[in-house]
Amino acid sequence: MTEIEGALPLVLAQGAAENTHTLLDFADPEFDRIVASVRLITAVEGDDQITVGTLKIPEVGVFPLVCEGP
C-alpha cells in the first residue's frame, strides 16, 4: 500500500448490491465514523449501460457520479 501524506486511510464499513442498486459506506480504520458514502444505480438497454449516483463526504459535500460502459 502506498501512503500519501495527509491522506485518510479508508476501510469498507458496509456494502450491498441488489438488482440495479449498489450502496457502499467507507469508514476510518477504527470504524468510528463514515467518511464517504457511494450510492449507485445502473440502467441497461440492449448494449447500452450507464451507472449514475452520488458520492457524499460528510462536512465536505455531495458530488455526482456518472460511469459509462460495461
C-alpha atoms as a PDB file:
ATOM      1  CA  MET A   1       0.000   0.000   0.000  1.00  0.00           C
ATOM      2  CA  THR A   2       1.278   3.447  -0.902  1.00  0.00           C
ATOM      3  CA  GLU A   3       0.744   6.100   1.747  1.00  0.00           C
ATOM      4  CA  ILE A   4       0.331   9.745   0.832  1.00  0.00           C
ATOM      5  CA  GLU A   5       0.993  12.388   3.454  1.00  0.00           C
ATOM      6  CA  GLY A   6      -2.272  13.837   4.739  1.00  0.00           C
ATOM      7  CA  ALA A   7      -4.407  11.107   3.149  1.00  0.00           C
ATOM      8  CA  LEU A   8      -7.052   9.370   5.249  1.00  0.00           C
ATOM      9  CA  PRO A   9      -6.973   5.555   5.147  1.00  0.00           C
ATOM     10  CA  LEU A  10     -10.378   4.021   4.400  1.00  0.00           C
ATOM     11  CA  VAL A  11     -11.978   0.656   5.058  1.00  0.00           C
ATOM     12  CA  LEU A  12     -15.216  -0.669   3.614  1.00  0.00           C
ATOM     13  CA  ALA A  13     -17.681  -0.434   6.503  1.00  0.00           C
ATOM     14  CA  GLN A  14     -20.637  -1.923   4.647  1.00  0.00           C
ATOM     15  CA  GLY A  15     -21.810  -2.580   1.150  1.00  0.00           C
ATOM     16  CA  ALA A  16     -24.804  -4.031  -0.620  1.00  0.00           C
ATOM     17  CA  ALA A  17     -25.807  -4.704  -4.203  1.00  0.00           C
ATOM     18  CA  GLU A  18     -29.336  -5.628  -5.198  1.00  0.00           C
ATOM     19  CA  ASN A  19     -30.649  -5.608  -8.749  1.00  0.00           C
ATOM     20  CA  THR A  20     -29.618  -2.215 -10.136  1.00  0.00           C
ATOM     21  CA  HIS A  21     -28.580  -0.548  -6.857  1.00  0.00           C
ATOM     22  CA  THR A  22     -25.144  -0.538  -5.202  1.00  0.00           C
ATOM     23  CA  LEU A  23     -24.558   1.004  -1.760  1.00  0.00           C
ATOM     24  CA  LEU A  24     -21.088   1.471  -0.215  1.00  0.00           C
ATOM     25  CA  ASP A  25     -20.040   3.151   3.027  1.00  0.00           C
ATOM     26  CA  PHE A  26     -16.387   3.741   3.860  1.00  0.00           C
ATOM     27  CA  ALA A  27     -15.148   4.351   7.408  1.00  0.00           C
ATOM     28  CA  ASP A  28     -11.953   5.352   9.123  1.00  0.00           C
ATOM     29  CA  PRO A  29      -9.756   2.363  10.125  1.00  0.00           C
ATOM     30  CA  GLU A  30     -11.220   2.317  13.669  1.00  0.00           C
ATOM     31  CA  PHE A  31     -14.823   2.285  12.312  1.00  0.00           C
ATOM     32  CA  ASP A  32     -15.554   5.399  14.392  1.00  0.00           C
ATOM     33  CA  ARG A  33     -17.291   7.273  11.585  1.00  0.00           C
ATOM     34  CA  ILE A  34     -18.404   7.007   7.986  1.00  0.00           C
ATOM     35  CA  VAL A  35     -16.087   9.187   5.896  1.00  0.00           C
ATOM     36  CA  ALA A  36     -17.644   8.582   2.462  1.00  0.00           C
ATOM     37  CA  SER A  37     -20.833   7.070   1.050  1.00  0.00           C
ATOM     38  CA  VAL A  38     -21.420   5.984  -2.540  1.00  0.00           C
ATOM     39  CA  ARG A  39     -24.911   5.337  -3.931  1.00  0.00           C
ATOM     40  CA  LEU A  40     -25.189   3.961  -7.481  1.00  0.00           C
ATOM     41  CA  ILE A  41     -27.981   2.887  -9.816  1.00  0.00           C
ATOM     42  CA  THR A  42     -27.376   1.134 -13.136  1.00  0.00           C
ATOM     43  CA  ALA A  43     -29.596   1.064 -16.220  1.00  0.00           C
ATOM     44  CA  VAL A  44     -29.113  -1.317 -19.152  1.00  0.00           C
ATOM     45  CA  GLU A  45     -30.871  -1.282 -22.507  1.00  0.00           C
ATOM     46  CA  GLY A  46     -29.527  -3.620 -25.175  1.00  0.00           C
ATOM     47  CA  ASP A  47     -25.782  -2.984 -25.473  1.00  0.00           C
ATOM     48  CA  ASP A  48     -26.028   0.336 -23.615  1.00  0.00           C
ATOM     49  CA  GLN A  49     -25.217   0.594 -19.922  1.00  0.00           C
ATOM     50  CA  ILE A  50     -24.850   3.610 -17.660  1.00  0.00           C
ATOM     51  CA  THR A  51     -24.347   3.951 -13.928  1.00  0.00           C
ATOM     52  CA  VAL A  52     -25.116   7.173 -12.069  1.00  0.00           C
ATOM     53  CA  GLY A  53     -25.053   8.087  -8.433  1.00  0.00           C
ATOM     54  CA  THR A  54     -23.664  10.220  -5.667  1.00  0.00           C
ATOM     55  CA  LEU A  55     -20.541  10.457  -3.554  1.00  0.00           C
ATOM     56  CA  LYS A  56     -21.251  12.006  -0.145  1.00  0.00           C
ATOM     57  CA  ILE A  57     -18.393  13.148   2.078  1.00  0.00           C
ATOM     58  CA  PRO A  58     -19.720  14.416   5.423  1.00  0.00           C
ATOM     59  CA  GLU A  59     -18.830  18.041   6.173  1.00  0.00           C
ATOM     60  CA  VAL A  60     -17.421  18.403   2.626  1.00  0.00           C
ATOM     61  CA  GLY A  61     -20.247  17.937   0.129  1.00  0.00           C
ATOM     62  CA  VAL A  62     -22.170  15.731  -2.267  1.00  0.00           C
ATOM     63  CA  PHE A  63     -20.860  15.040  -5.767  1.00  0.00           C
ATOM     64  CA  PRO A  64     -22.487  13.471  -8.850  1.00  0.00           C
ATOM     65  CA  LEU A  65     -21.052  10.287 -10.362  1.00  0.00           C
ATOM     66  CA  VAL A  66     -21.568   9.108 -13.957  1.00  0.00           C
ATOM     67  CA  CYS A  67     -19.979   5.928 -15.335  1.00  0.00           C
ATOM     68  CA  GLU A  68     -20.439   4.732 -18.919  1.00  0.00           C
ATOM     69  CA  GLY A  69     -19.577   1.394 -20.462  1.00  0.00           C
ATOM     70  CA  PRO A  70     -19.583  -2.211 -19.352  1.00  0.00           C
END
